[in-house]
Amino acid sequence: MKINEDIRPVTYLKSRAADLLAQVNETHRPVIITQNGEARAVLQDPESYEQMRAAIGLLKLVAQGEEDVRAGRVSEQDEIFARLERKLRNGAKGDSDAP
């Protein structure tokens, strides 16, 4: 982040919104909007925002997986694949995944 280029006061946003949007979409760097010298918002291009949301989603899944391991909620790989194969074979019949 180029700090001197990526922090703008709210008055700049009010008067130069189109310029800021162009900057954000060209550089893919977020711009921090300040009010009374304090950070109040972040302006970000849609592509970077979606990438960030996807990354956060993956990190949440990893954190859930780590918690499952710590809590002992784990299964053997062979058991999982056998359960999936049964489900795929019997899915149309509505059978459960019970062994």
Protein backbone atom coordinates (compact mmCIF):
# COMPACT_ATOMS: atom_id res chain seq x y z
CA MET A 1 0.00 0.00 0.00
CA LYS A 2 1.29 3.43 -0.87
CA ILE A 3 0.11 5.16 2.26
CA ASN A 4 0.35 8.70 0.95
CA GLU A 5 -1.72 7.77 -2.13
CA ASP A 6 -4.23 5.50 -0.41
CA ILE A 7 -5.53 7.64 2.45
CA ARG A 8 -7.93 10.43 1.62
CA PRO A 9 -10.17 12.69 3.71
CA VAL A 10 -13.92 12.45 3.25
CA THR A 11 -13.93 15.91 1.64
CA TYR A 12 -11.71 14.52 -1.14
CA LEU A 13 -14.18 11.68 -1.62
CA LYS A 14 -17.04 14.16 -1.87
CA SER A 15 -15.34 16.28 -4.51
CA ARG A 16 -13.39 13.62 -6.46
CA ALA A 17 -15.44 10.42 -6.22
CA ALA A 18 -14.98 9.54 -9.89
CA ASP A 19 -11.19 9.96 -9.60
CA LEU A 20 -11.08 7.74 -6.52
CA LEU A 21 -13.16 5.07 -8.21
CA ALA A 22 -10.83 5.13 -11.20
CA GLN A 23 -7.78 4.84 -8.92
CA VAL A 24 -9.23 1.93 -6.96
CA ASN A 25 -10.24 0.04 -10.09
CA GLU A 26 -6.89 0.63 -11.83
CA THR A 27 -4.58 -0.15 -8.91
CA HIS A 28 -6.76 -2.72 -7.08
CA ARG A 29 -5.51 -1.10 -3.87
CA PRO A 30 -8.07 -0.04 -1.29
CA VAL A 31 -8.32 3.61 -0.29
CA ILE A 32 -8.84 4.52 3.36
CA ILE A 33 -11.30 7.36 3.87
CA THR A 34 -10.73 9.51 6.93
CA GLN A 35 -12.99 11.87 8.82
CA ASN A 36 -11.54 14.28 11.35
CA GLY A 37 -8.20 12.50 10.99
CA GLU A 38 -9.56 9.04 11.84
CA ALA A 39 -10.06 6.13 9.46
CA ARG A 40 -13.80 5.77 8.87
CA ALA A 41 -14.20 3.61 5.74
CA VAL A 42 -12.37 1.66 3.06
CA LEU A 43 -13.11 1.98 -0.64
CA GLN A 44 -12.26 -1.18 -2.57
CA ASP A 45 -12.81 -2.48 -6.11
CA PRO A 46 -15.37 -5.30 -6.51
CA GLU A 47 -12.88 -7.91 -7.77
CA SER A 48 -10.54 -7.47 -4.81
CA TYR A 49 -13.51 -7.49 -2.45
CA GLU A 50 -14.76 -10.82 -3.83
CA GLN A 51 -11.25 -12.31 -3.64
CA MET A 52 -10.99 -11.17 -0.02
CA ARG A 53 -14.39 -12.69 0.83
CA ALA A 54 -13.39 -16.00 -0.78
CA ALA A 55 -10.10 -16.04 1.16
CA ILE A 56 -11.90 -15.33 4.42
CA GLY A 57 -14.35 -18.15 3.68
CA LEU A 58 -11.47 -20.58 3.15
CA LEU A 59 -9.79 -19.42 6.35
CA LYS A 60 -13.03 -20.02 8.27
CA LEU A 61 -13.19 -23.58 6.91
CA VAL A 62 -9.58 -24.19 7.93
CA ALA A 63 -10.29 -22.83 11.43
CA GLN A 64 -13.34 -25.09 11.74
CA GLY A 65 -11.28 -28.06 10.63
CA GLU A 66 -8.56 -27.28 13.15
CA GLU A 67 -11.19 -27.02 15.91
CA ASP A 68 -12.63 -30.39 14.86
CA VAL A 69 -9.18 -31.97 15.10
CA ARG A 70 -8.58 -30.44 18.55
CA ALA A 71 -11.99 -31.71 19.72
CA GLY A 72 -11.33 -35.19 18.35
CA ARG A 73 -14.07 -34.97 15.71
CA VAL A 74 -12.11 -36.84 13.06
CA SER A 75 -12.72 -39.86 10.83
CA GLU A 76 -10.42 -42.15 8.92
CA GLN A 77 -10.08 -41.36 5.22
CA ASP A 78 -11.18 -44.88 4.18
CA GLU A 79 -14.32 -44.55 6.29
CA ILE A 80 -15.23 -41.22 4.67
CA PHE A 81 -14.70 -42.53 1.13
CA ALA A 82 -16.76 -45.66 1.86
CA ARG A 83 -19.58 -43.48 3.22
CA LEU A 84 -19.46 -41.25 0.14
CA GLU A 85 -19.50 -44.24 -2.20
CA ARG A 86 -22.58 -45.64 -0.41
CA LYS A 87 -24.30 -42.29 -0.68
CA LEU A 88 -23.54 -42.02 -4.39
CA ARG A 89 -24.75 -45.56 -5.07
CA ASN A 90 -27.91 -45.23 -2.99
CA GLY A 91 -28.54 -41.50 -3.30
CA ALA A 92 -31.47 -41.88 -5.67
CA LYS A 93 -33.11 -44.34 -3.27
CA GLY A 94 -32.85 -41.93 -0.36
CA ASP A 95 -30.84 -44.30 1.83
CA SER A 96 -28.97 -42.83 4.75
CA ASP A 97 -25.20 -42.83 5.02
CA ALA A 98 -25.25 -45.15 8.02
CA PRO A 99 -22.79 -48.05 7.71
